Amino acid sequence: MKKRLFALLVPVVVATLVAGCGGDDTMEPEPPAVQPPPNLSGTYSLVSLSGVITGGVTLAPPIAVGTFTLTQNPASGDSASGSLSLSITVTNPLDGSVFNLEDQGTFTVRTDGSWEQTGQQQQALGTFTLAGNVLTVTVTEPATAVSTTVWQRQ
């Protein structure tokens, strides 16, 4: 009787163990880690500037010169923020008059390419791209600040 009971129990126990070990796992795999935006920290030299302020004309050195310094904090998920310092000088080649634009503030970038800037002079929204050491910032809002600046990291 004991042998018969044992013979009946063994298949039940084995079947229970096999079913409990998973073979048909329905757990979803872990989603991929969120990629942070690139680290933009550095000092950049102005390559070109165009926009409302230039009347749509693209200006470049030696007419327009400038520096852009970004200090980015560690990313949090898909965004990162930091501080910025901007200095651009445009010299009118016709009369030698000089226009200076300086600002300090903060910026936020996201992996979707969006750019936010809050400074003492203006607040701006737009997009950015980083290709090698070339940073392009395209401001789309406000309308009075629409521009594209191209910067080379030093």
Protein backbone atom coordinates (compact mmCIF):
# COMPACT_ATOMS: atom_id res chain seq x y z
CA MET A 1 0.00 0.00 0.00
CA LYS A 2 2.82 2.34 0.88
CA LYS A 3 4.53 1.62 -2.44
CA ARG A 4 1.31 2.30 -4.31
CA LEU A 5 0.71 5.58 -2.45
CA PHE A 6 4.32 6.58 -3.07
CA ALA A 7 3.96 5.73 -6.76
CA LEU A 8 0.88 7.95 -6.98
CA LEU A 9 2.42 10.84 -5.03
CA VAL A 10 5.68 11.06 -6.97
CA PRO A 11 4.05 12.12 -10.29
CA VAL A 12 1.85 14.66 -8.49
CA VAL A 13 4.85 16.20 -6.69
CA VAL A 14 6.94 16.26 -9.89
CA ALA A 15 4.09 17.84 -11.84
CA THR A 16 3.64 20.48 -9.15
CA LEU A 17 7.35 21.30 -9.15
CA VAL A 18 7.51 21.56 -12.94
CA ALA A 19 4.47 23.82 -13.07
CA GLY A 20 5.83 26.01 -10.26
CA CYS A 21 9.27 26.44 -11.84
CA GLY A 22 8.00 28.65 -14.52
CA GLY A 23 8.54 27.54 -18.10
CA ASP A 24 5.65 29.76 -19.05
CA ASP A 25 6.87 32.97 -17.38
CA THR A 26 4.50 35.87 -17.97
CA MET A 27 6.65 38.59 -16.30
CA GLU A 28 7.41 41.48 -18.60
CA PRO A 29 11.10 42.19 -19.18
CA GLU A 30 12.57 45.28 -17.55
CA PRO A 31 12.17 48.36 -19.76
CA PRO A 32 15.44 49.77 -21.07
CA ALA A 33 17.06 52.40 -18.89
CA VAL A 34 16.18 55.99 -19.76
CA GLN A 35 19.03 57.57 -21.69
CA PRO A 36 20.10 60.95 -20.29
CA PRO A 37 20.72 63.94 -22.55
CA PRO A 38 24.34 64.60 -23.54
CA ASN A 39 26.56 66.53 -21.15
CA LEU A 40 26.86 70.02 -22.64
CA SER A 41 29.31 71.34 -20.04
CA GLY A 42 32.08 73.45 -21.52
CA THR A 43 33.02 76.77 -23.02
CA TYR A 44 31.94 77.39 -26.61
CA SER A 45 32.96 79.97 -29.22
CA LEU A 46 30.38 81.48 -31.54
CA VAL A 47 30.41 80.03 -35.07
CA SER A 48 27.31 81.80 -36.37
CA LEU A 49 24.20 83.68 -35.28
CA SER A 50 20.99 84.35 -37.21
CA GLY A 51 17.50 85.37 -36.24
CA VAL A 52 15.20 88.24 -35.49
CA ILE A 53 17.99 90.25 -33.88
CA THR A 54 20.09 90.04 -37.07
CA GLY A 55 17.21 90.68 -39.47
CA GLY A 56 17.51 87.10 -40.70
CA VAL A 57 21.11 87.59 -41.82
CA THR A 58 23.66 85.02 -40.64
CA LEU A 59 26.53 86.68 -38.81
CA ALA A 60 29.86 85.08 -38.00
CA PRO A 61 33.30 86.14 -36.76
CA PRO A 62 34.80 88.69 -37.02
CA ILE A 63 31.51 90.63 -37.18
CA ALA A 64 29.89 88.56 -34.42
CA VAL A 65 32.01 86.96 -31.69
CA GLY A 66 30.95 85.35 -28.48
CA THR A 67 31.34 82.77 -25.77
CA PHE A 68 28.79 80.45 -24.22
CA THR A 69 29.68 78.66 -21.00
CA LEU A 70 27.52 75.81 -19.75
CA THR A 71 27.89 73.91 -16.48
CA GLN A 72 25.54 70.92 -16.45
CA ASN A 73 24.49 69.02 -13.35
CA PRO A 74 24.11 65.22 -13.43
CA ALA A 75 21.06 64.13 -15.41
CA SER A 76 17.85 63.03 -13.73
CA GLY A 77 16.01 60.62 -16.01
CA ASP A 78 15.58 62.16 -19.44
CA SER A 79 16.52 65.73 -18.46
CA ALA A 80 19.45 67.70 -17.12
CA SER A 81 19.87 71.30 -16.03
CA GLY A 82 22.65 73.66 -15.17
CA SER A 83 23.92 77.21 -15.34
CA LEU A 84 24.82 79.30 -18.36
CA SER A 85 26.76 82.42 -19.17
CA LEU A 86 26.45 84.09 -22.59
CA SER A 87 28.37 86.95 -24.15
CA ILE A 88 27.98 88.04 -27.79
CA THR A 89 29.43 91.17 -29.42
CA VAL A 90 28.29 92.30 -32.86
CA THR A 91 30.20 95.06 -34.65
CA ASN A 92 28.47 96.89 -37.50
CA PRO A 93 30.98 96.93 -40.37
CA LEU A 94 29.44 100.09 -41.83
CA ASP A 95 29.79 102.46 -38.89
CA GLY A 96 31.75 100.49 -36.26
CA SER A 97 28.92 100.60 -33.73
CA VAL A 98 28.93 97.73 -31.25
CA PHE A 99 26.02 95.77 -29.84
CA ASN A 100 26.61 93.59 -26.77
CA LEU A 101 24.35 90.81 -25.53
CA GLU A 102 25.18 89.31 -22.16
CA ASP A 103 23.12 87.00 -20.01
CA GLN A 104 23.43 84.56 -17.13
CA GLY A 105 20.95 82.04 -15.91
CA THR A 106 19.95 78.41 -16.09
CA PHE A 107 19.12 75.91 -18.80
CA THR A 108 17.33 72.57 -19.04
CA VAL A 109 17.77 70.02 -21.81
CA ARG A 110 15.90 66.79 -22.49
CA THR A 111 16.63 63.69 -24.51
CA ASP A 112 13.92 64.70 -27.00
CA GLY A 113 16.14 67.67 -27.97
CA SER A 114 14.15 70.36 -26.18
CA TRP A 115 15.90 73.41 -24.72
CA GLU A 116 14.71 75.80 -21.98
CA GLN A 117 16.66 78.84 -20.91
CA THR A 118 15.93 81.26 -18.10
CA GLY A 119 18.22 84.23 -17.86
CA GLN A 120 18.38 87.72 -16.47
CA GLN A 121 17.68 89.18 -19.93
CA GLN A 122 15.23 86.66 -21.37
CA GLN A 123 13.50 83.32 -21.15
CA ALA A 124 13.55 81.09 -24.20
CA LEU A 125 12.27 77.76 -25.46
CA GLY A 126 13.52 75.77 -28.40
CA THR A 127 15.67 72.85 -29.42
CA PHE A 128 19.32 71.84 -29.36
CA THR A 129 21.59 69.41 -31.15
CA LEU A 130 25.13 68.36 -30.33
CA ALA A 131 27.20 66.89 -33.15
CA GLY A 132 30.73 66.19 -31.98
CA ASN A 133 31.81 69.47 -30.41
CA VAL A 134 29.30 71.64 -32.30
CA LEU A 135 26.26 72.78 -30.33
CA THR A 136 23.32 74.31 -32.19
CA VAL A 137 20.60 76.07 -30.19
CA THR A 138 17.43 77.06 -32.03
CA VAL A 139 15.15 79.38 -30.05
CA THR A 140 11.51 79.17 -31.15
CA GLU A 141 9.84 81.21 -28.37
CA PRO A 142 9.32 84.07 -27.65
CA ALA A 143 8.92 85.48 -31.15
CA THR A 144 11.24 88.39 -30.36
CA ALA A 145 14.10 85.98 -29.58
CA VAL A 146 13.72 83.50 -32.46
CA SER A 147 17.26 82.63 -33.49
CA THR A 148 19.77 79.93 -34.30
CA THR A 149 23.22 80.03 -32.75
CA VAL A 150 25.99 77.59 -33.61
CA TRP A 151 28.78 77.11 -31.09
CA GLN A 152 32.10 75.21 -31.18
CA ARG A 153 33.25 73.66 -27.88
CA GLN A 154 36.78 74.80 -27.06
